[in-house]
Amino acid sequence: MESLIKAYAARRTNYTLGKNVSLSQEEIIEKVQAVVKEIPSAFNMQSGRIILAFGAKHDAIWQITKETLRKVVPAEAFAKTEAKIDSFAAAYGTVLYYDDTAVVKAMQEQNPLYAANFPIWAQQGNGMIQFALWTLFADLGLGANLQHYNPLIDEALQKEFSVPDTWQLIGQMPFGQPQAYPDPVKKLPIEERVKIYQ
């Protein structure tokens, strides 16, 4: 139990990532697949999807993001944006988080009484995948952060990765060698967040 709590505590937002990772891609792929397989979802709908990108495909994600933002960010402010995107590109790999809306729609049709809830439950399931993989990376000694450049980059990524039309992009998670560790974050008193009744 203590090791599990330590893994949760180690999961932090880290923006200073590098490519010098001791794990092989095969090891990372195997562990990511094992974790995703075990994530629960409402009605067992399993609508969460991920793309795990390394090498040139990882680089392509952030090149697409940079060029997309170049078109919408004022030129005088773009240097800061470019530096931020370059920090994500400096990472070892990226997880793209998707949700298959066709699965959600089918569940709505099969269970009309709960139809309004399935998109919410799908988002919750996707969040569990994100948290689980983020914790996995921390446990493997890797750093990660979570970004949301969707929907600006959706169409370009769809072409780059032949993403099905029914997949909705939820977030992007670069991961890699932590080159610095985040400062502590302020936490609310736990009594404000967890109420006990006996």
C-alpha atoms as a PDB file:
ATOM      1  CA  MET A   1       0.000   0.000   0.000  1.00  0.00           C
ATOM      2  CA  GLU A   2       2.800   2.428   0.869  1.00  0.00           C
ATOM      3  CA  SER A   3       4.449   1.850  -2.500  1.00  0.00           C
ATOM      4  CA  LEU A   4       1.155   2.643  -4.251  1.00  0.00           C
ATOM      5  CA  ILE A   5       0.781   5.935  -2.367  1.00  0.00           C
ATOM      6  CA  LYS A   6       4.409   6.791  -3.137  1.00  0.00           C
ATOM      7  CA  ALA A   7       3.746   6.159  -6.826  1.00  0.00           C
ATOM      8  CA  TYR A   8       0.750   8.520  -6.727  1.00  0.00           C
ATOM      9  CA  ALA A   9       2.827  11.165  -4.935  1.00  0.00           C
ATOM     10  CA  ALA A  10       5.635  10.815  -7.493  1.00  0.00           C
ATOM     11  CA  ARG A  11       3.220  11.518 -10.347  1.00  0.00           C
ATOM     12  CA  ARG A  12       3.801  15.200 -10.996  1.00  0.00           C
ATOM     13  CA  THR A  13       3.592  17.617 -13.905  1.00  0.00           C
ATOM     14  CA  ASN A  14       7.117  17.803 -15.312  1.00  0.00           C
ATOM     15  CA  TYR A  15       7.965  20.134 -18.191  1.00  0.00           C
ATOM     16  CA  THR A  16      11.724  19.471 -18.353  1.00  0.00           C
ATOM     17  CA  LEU A  17      11.984  16.188 -20.206  1.00  0.00           C
ATOM     18  CA  GLY A  18      14.698  14.570 -22.283  1.00  0.00           C
ATOM     19  CA  LYS A  19      15.215  11.622 -24.609  1.00  0.00           C
ATOM     20  CA  ASN A  20      17.836   9.746 -22.568  1.00  0.00           C
ATOM     21  CA  VAL A  21      15.597   6.916 -21.363  1.00  0.00           C
ATOM     22  CA  SER A  22      17.077   3.627 -20.168  1.00  0.00           C
ATOM     23  CA  LEU A  23      13.951   1.572 -20.858  1.00  0.00           C
ATOM     24  CA  SER A  24      13.472   0.122 -24.317  1.00  0.00           C
ATOM     25  CA  GLN A  25      10.468   1.068 -26.413  1.00  0.00           C
ATOM     26  CA  GLU A  26       9.347  -2.550 -26.183  1.00  0.00           C
ATOM     27  CA  GLU A  27       9.347  -2.403 -22.365  1.00  0.00           C
ATOM     28  CA  ILE A  28       7.359   0.835 -22.363  1.00  0.00           C
ATOM     29  CA  ILE A  29       4.859  -0.503 -24.899  1.00  0.00           C
ATOM     30  CA  GLU A  30       4.366  -3.720 -22.928  1.00  0.00           C
ATOM     31  CA  LYS A  31       3.745  -1.893 -19.651  1.00  0.00           C
ATOM     32  CA  VAL A  32       1.427   0.699 -21.226  1.00  0.00           C
ATOM     33  CA  GLN A  33      -0.638  -2.045 -22.863  1.00  0.00           C
ATOM     34  CA  ALA A  34      -0.852  -3.970 -19.586  1.00  0.00           C
ATOM     35  CA  VAL A  35      -2.090  -0.895 -17.703  1.00  0.00           C
ATOM     36  CA  VAL A  36      -4.656   0.190 -20.324  1.00  0.00           C
ATOM     37  CA  LYS A  37      -6.069  -3.341 -20.424  1.00  0.00           C
ATOM     38  CA  GLU A  38      -6.947  -3.174 -16.721  1.00  0.00           C
ATOM     39  CA  ILE A  39      -8.621   0.259 -16.562  1.00  0.00           C
ATOM     40  CA  PRO A  40     -12.324   0.030 -15.675  1.00  0.00           C
ATOM     41  CA  SER A  41     -15.116   1.778 -17.565  1.00  0.00           C
ATOM     42  CA  ALA A  42     -18.846   2.229 -17.039  1.00  0.00           C
ATOM     43  CA  PHE A  43     -20.834  -0.695 -18.479  1.00  0.00           C
ATOM     44  CA  ASN A  44     -17.413  -2.050 -19.534  1.00  0.00           C
ATOM     45  CA  MET A  45     -17.713   0.064 -22.692  1.00  0.00           C
ATOM     46  CA  GLN A  46     -13.912   0.468 -23.073  1.00  0.00           C
ATOM     47  CA  SER A  47     -14.214   3.556 -25.278  1.00  0.00           C
ATOM     48  CA  GLY A  48     -10.752   4.899 -24.413  1.00  0.00           C
ATOM     49  CA  ARG A  49      -8.111   4.704 -27.135  1.00  0.00           C
ATOM     50  CA  ILE A  50      -4.474   5.765 -27.162  1.00  0.00           C
ATOM     51  CA  ILE A  51      -1.749   6.286 -29.711  1.00  0.00           C
ATOM     52  CA  LEU A  52       1.769   5.780 -28.363  1.00  0.00           C
ATOM     53  CA  ALA A  53       4.266   7.700 -30.493  1.00  0.00           C
ATOM     54  CA  PHE A  54       8.069   7.494 -30.519  1.00  0.00           C
ATOM     55  CA  GLY A  55      10.841   8.894 -32.710  1.00  0.00           C
ATOM     56  CA  ALA A  56       9.758  10.697 -35.863  1.00  0.00           C
ATOM     57  CA  LYS A  57       6.072  10.224 -35.045  1.00  0.00           C
ATOM     58  CA  HIS A  58       6.543  11.845 -31.620  1.00  0.00           C
ATOM     59  CA  ASP A  59       8.373  14.714 -33.302  1.00  0.00           C
ATOM     60  CA  ALA A  60       5.574  15.062 -35.862  1.00  0.00           C
ATOM     61  CA  ILE A  61       2.973  15.642 -33.133  1.00  0.00           C
ATOM     62  CA  TRP A  62       4.818  18.667 -31.815  1.00  0.00           C
ATOM     63  CA  GLN A  63       5.800  19.994 -35.242  1.00  0.00           C
ATOM     64  CA  ILE A  64       2.123  19.880 -36.214  1.00  0.00           C
ATOM     65  CA  THR A  65       1.199  21.610 -32.956  1.00  0.00           C
ATOM     66  CA  LYS A  66       3.812  24.310 -33.467  1.00  0.00           C
ATOM     67  CA  GLU A  67       2.812  25.064 -37.048  1.00  0.00           C
ATOM     68  CA  THR A  68      -0.884  25.069 -36.140  1.00  0.00           C
ATOM     69  CA  LEU A  69      -0.300  27.529 -33.308  1.00  0.00           C
ATOM     70  CA  ARG A  70       1.923  29.699 -35.507  1.00  0.00           C
ATOM     71  CA  LYS A  71      -1.209  30.478 -37.534  1.00  0.00           C
ATOM     72  CA  VAL A  72      -3.256  31.638 -34.543  1.00  0.00           C
ATOM     73  CA  VAL A  73      -0.789  33.053 -31.991  1.00  0.00           C
ATOM     74  CA  PRO A  74       0.276  36.694 -32.560  1.00  0.00           C
ATOM     75  CA  ALA A  75       3.804  36.871 -34.002  1.00  0.00           C
ATOM     76  CA  GLU A  76       5.080  38.984 -31.106  1.00  0.00           C
ATOM     77  CA  ALA A  77       3.967  36.307 -28.620  1.00  0.00           C
ATOM     78  CA  PHE A  78       4.995  33.234 -30.593  1.00  0.00           C
ATOM     79  CA  ALA A  79       8.534  32.864 -29.212  1.00  0.00           C
ATOM     80  CA  LYS A  80       7.174  31.868 -25.804  1.00  0.00           C
ATOM     81  CA  THR A  81       4.728  29.432 -27.394  1.00  0.00           C
ATOM     82  CA  GLU A  82       7.472  27.947 -29.572  1.00  0.00           C
ATOM     83  CA  ALA A  83       9.738  27.394 -26.566  1.00  0.00           C
ATOM     84  CA  LYS A  84       6.939  25.583 -24.762  1.00  0.00           C
ATOM     85  CA  ILE A  85       6.199  23.319 -27.722  1.00  0.00           C
ATOM     86  CA  ASP A  86       9.916  22.633 -28.175  1.00  0.00           C
ATOM     87  CA  SER A  87      10.060  21.451 -24.553  1.00  0.00           C
ATOM     88  CA  PHE A  88       7.405  18.843 -25.354  1.00  0.00           C
ATOM     89  CA  ALA A  89       9.258  17.810 -28.507  1.00  0.00           C
ATOM     90  CA  ALA A  90      12.408  17.326 -26.393  1.00  0.00           C
ATOM     91  CA  ALA A  91      10.676  14.446 -24.590  1.00  0.00           C
ATOM     92  CA  TYR A  92      11.132  10.797 -25.533  1.00  0.00           C
ATOM     93  CA  GLY A  93       7.588   9.987 -26.605  1.00  0.00           C
ATOM     94  CA  THR A  94       3.962  11.093 -26.520  1.00  0.00           C
ATOM     95  CA  VAL A  95       0.676   9.453 -25.634  1.00  0.00           C
ATOM     96  CA  LEU A  96      -2.339  10.742 -27.553  1.00  0.00           C
ATOM     97  CA  TYR A  97      -5.557  10.091 -25.635  1.00  0.00           C
ATOM     98  CA  TYR A  98      -8.736   9.503 -27.622  1.00  0.00           C
ATOM     99  CA  ASP A  99     -12.289   8.382 -27.004  1.00  0.00           C
ATOM    100  CA  ASP A 100     -14.183   6.340 -29.583  1.00  0.00           C
ATOM    101  CA  THR A 101     -17.502   8.159 -29.905  1.00  0.00           C
ATOM    102  CA  ALA A 102     -18.975   5.275 -31.928  1.00  0.00           C
ATOM    103  CA  VAL A 103     -18.694   3.055 -28.856  1.00  0.00           C
ATOM    104  CA  VAL A 104     -20.347   5.728 -26.707  1.00  0.00           C
ATOM    105  CA  LYS A 105     -23.159   6.192 -29.233  1.00  0.00           C
ATOM    106  CA  ALA A 106     -23.796   2.442 -29.374  1.00  0.00           C
ATOM    107  CA  MET A 107     -24.033   2.302 -25.586  1.00  0.00           C
ATOM    108  CA  GLN A 108     -26.493   5.207 -25.625  1.00  0.00           C
ATOM    109  CA  GLU A 109     -28.680   3.384 -28.135  1.00  0.00           C
ATOM    110  CA  GLN A 110     -28.546   0.145 -26.153  1.00  0.00           C
ATOM    111  CA  ASN A 111     -29.275   1.879 -22.834  1.00  0.00           C
ATOM    112  CA  PRO A 112     -31.557   4.863 -23.573  1.00  0.00           C
ATOM    113  CA  LEU A 113     -32.424   5.381 -19.908  1.00  0.00           C
ATOM    114  CA  TYR A 114     -28.787   6.357 -19.243  1.00  0.00           C
ATOM    115  CA  ALA A 115     -28.006   7.875 -22.640  1.00  0.00           C
ATOM    116  CA  ALA A 116     -27.074  11.325 -21.314  1.00  0.00           C
ATOM    117  CA  ASN A 117     -24.538   9.830 -18.929  1.00  0.00           C
ATOM    118  CA  PHE A 118     -22.418   7.823 -21.354  1.00  0.00           C
ATOM    119  CA  PRO A 119     -20.348  10.764 -22.688  1.00  0.00           C
ATOM    120  CA  ILE A 120     -19.635  11.755 -19.072  1.00  0.00           C
ATOM    121  CA  TRP A 121     -18.704   8.204 -18.127  1.00  0.00           C
ATOM    122  CA  ALA A 122     -16.466   7.972 -21.195  1.00  0.00           C
ATOM    123  CA  GLN A 123     -14.573  11.082 -20.094  1.00  0.00           C
ATOM    124  CA  GLN A 124     -14.212   9.650 -16.602  1.00  0.00           C
ATOM    125  CA  GLY A 125     -12.845   6.406 -18.046  1.00  0.00           C
ATOM    126  CA  ASN A 126     -10.384   8.319 -20.186  1.00  0.00           C
ATOM    127  CA  GLY A 127      -9.265  10.261 -17.132  1.00  0.00           C
ATOM    128  CA  MET A 128      -8.559   6.990 -15.341  1.00  0.00           C
ATOM    129  CA  ILE A 129      -6.373   5.863 -18.255  1.00  0.00           C
ATOM    130  CA  GLN A 130      -4.506   9.177 -18.153  1.00  0.00           C
ATOM    131  CA  PHE A 131      -3.920   8.990 -14.404  1.00  0.00           C
ATOM    132  CA  ALA A 132      -2.881   5.333 -14.538  1.00  0.00           C
ATOM    133  CA  LEU A 133      -0.344   5.881 -17.333  1.00  0.00           C
ATOM    134  CA  TRP A 134       0.966   9.060 -15.699  1.00  0.00           C
ATOM    135  CA  THR A 135       1.505   7.091 -12.481  1.00  0.00           C
ATOM    136  CA  LEU A 136       3.107   4.247 -14.447  1.00  0.00           C
ATOM    137  CA  PHE A 137       5.583   6.663 -16.023  1.00  0.00           C
ATOM    138  CA  ALA A 138       6.480   8.055 -12.605  1.00  0.00           C
ATOM    139  CA  ASP A 139       6.954   4.537 -11.269  1.00  0.00           C
ATOM    140  CA  LEU A 140       9.284   3.810 -14.204  1.00  0.00           C
ATOM    141  CA  GLY A 141      11.360   6.880 -13.349  1.00  0.00           C
ATOM    142  CA  LEU A 142       9.958   8.939 -16.228  1.00  0.00           C
ATOM    143  CA  GLY A 143       8.447  12.407 -16.159  1.00  0.00           C
ATOM    144  CA  ALA A 144       5.309  13.512 -18.000  1.00  0.00           C
ATOM    145  CA  ASN A 145       2.818  16.331 -18.405  1.00  0.00           C
ATOM    146  CA  LEU A 146      -0.666  16.589 -19.893  1.00  0.00           C
ATOM    147  CA  GLN A 147      -1.576  19.037 -22.658  1.00  0.00           C
ATOM    148  CA  HIS A 148      -4.810  19.947 -24.447  1.00  0.00           C
ATOM    149  CA  TYR A 149      -4.180  21.453 -27.876  1.00  0.00           C
ATOM    150  CA  ASN A 150      -7.308  19.835 -29.230  1.00  0.00           C
ATOM    151  CA  PRO A 151      -9.370  20.660 -31.211  1.00  0.00           C
ATOM    152  CA  LEU A 152      -6.804  22.859 -33.007  1.00  0.00           C
ATOM    153  CA  ILE A 153      -4.601  19.903 -33.965  1.00  0.00           C
ATOM    154  CA  ASP A 154      -7.257  17.222 -34.395  1.00  0.00           C
ATOM    155  CA  GLU A 155      -7.506  17.246 -38.181  1.00  0.00           C
ATOM    156  CA  ALA A 156      -3.751  17.276 -38.814  1.00  0.00           C
ATOM    157  CA  LEU A 157      -3.166  14.440 -36.342  1.00  0.00           C
ATOM    158  CA  GLN A 158      -6.013  12.490 -37.893  1.00  0.00           C
ATOM    159  CA  LYS A 159      -4.163  12.605 -41.230  1.00  0.00           C
ATOM    160  CA  GLU A 160      -0.741  11.896 -39.702  1.00  0.00           C
ATOM    161  CA  PHE A 161      -1.899   8.818 -37.793  1.00  0.00           C
ATOM    162  CA  SER A 162      -4.871   7.660 -39.909  1.00  0.00           C
ATOM    163  CA  VAL A 163      -7.134   8.216 -36.920  1.00  0.00           C
ATOM    164  CA  PRO A 164     -10.706   6.928 -37.397  1.00  0.00           C
ATOM    165  CA  ASP A 165     -13.339   9.641 -37.799  1.00  0.00           C
ATOM    166  CA  THR A 166     -15.116   8.475 -34.652  1.00  0.00           C
ATOM    167  CA  TRP A 167     -12.104   9.006 -32.374  1.00  0.00           C
ATOM    168  CA  GLN A 168     -12.222  12.260 -30.386  1.00  0.00           C
ATOM    169  CA  LEU A 169      -8.891  13.674 -29.208  1.00  0.00           C
ATOM    170  CA  ILE A 170      -8.866  14.281 -25.442  1.00  0.00           C
ATOM    171  CA  GLY A 171      -5.266  15.156 -24.558  1.00  0.00           C
ATOM    172  CA  GLN A 172      -1.570  14.805 -25.296  1.00  0.00           C
ATOM    173  CA  MET A 173       1.032  13.510 -22.814  1.00  0.00           C
ATOM    174  CA  PRO A 174       4.736  13.917 -23.615  1.00  0.00           C
ATOM    175  CA  PHE A 175       6.963  11.724 -21.445  1.00  0.00           C
ATOM    176  CA  GLY A 176      10.676  11.193 -21.029  1.00  0.00           C
ATOM    177  CA  GLN A 177      13.721  11.517 -18.832  1.00  0.00           C
ATOM    178  CA  PRO A 178      13.073  14.031 -16.015  1.00  0.00           C
ATOM    179  CA  GLN A 179      15.864  16.603 -16.186  1.00  0.00           C
ATOM    180  CA  ALA A 180      14.601  18.573 -13.194  1.00  0.00           C
ATOM    181  CA  TYR A 181      11.957  17.938 -10.581  1.00  0.00           C
ATOM    182  CA  PRO A 182       8.906  20.140 -10.030  1.00  0.00           C
ATOM    183  CA  ASP A 183       8.637  22.355  -6.986  1.00  0.00           C
ATOM    184  CA  PRO A 184       6.187  21.244  -4.284  1.00  0.00           C
ATOM    185  CA  VAL A 185       2.593  22.245  -4.894  1.00  0.00           C
ATOM    186  CA  LYS A 186       0.282  23.695  -2.281  1.00  0.00           C
ATOM    187  CA  LYS A 187      -2.298  21.211  -1.085  1.00  0.00           C
ATOM    188  CA  LEU A 188      -5.574  22.080   0.601  1.00  0.00           C
ATOM    189  CA  PRO A 189      -6.027  20.628   4.073  1.00  0.00           C
ATOM    190  CA  ILE A 190      -7.213  17.091   3.498  1.00  0.00           C
ATOM    191  CA  GLU A 191     -10.090  17.677   5.938  1.00  0.00           C
ATOM    192  CA  GLU A 192     -11.587  20.107   3.405  1.00  0.00           C
ATOM    193  CA  ARG A 193     -11.612  17.419   0.727  1.00  0.00           C
ATOM    194  CA  VAL A 194     -12.390  14.234   2.640  1.00  0.00           C
ATOM    195  CA  LYS A 195     -15.305  14.242   5.055  1.00  0.00           C
ATOM    196  CA  ILE A 196     -15.615  11.380   7.531  1.00  0.00           C
ATOM    197  CA  TYR A 197     -18.897  10.196   9.049  1.00  0.00           C
ATOM    198  CA  GLN A 198     -19.081   7.385  11.618  1.00  0.00           C
END
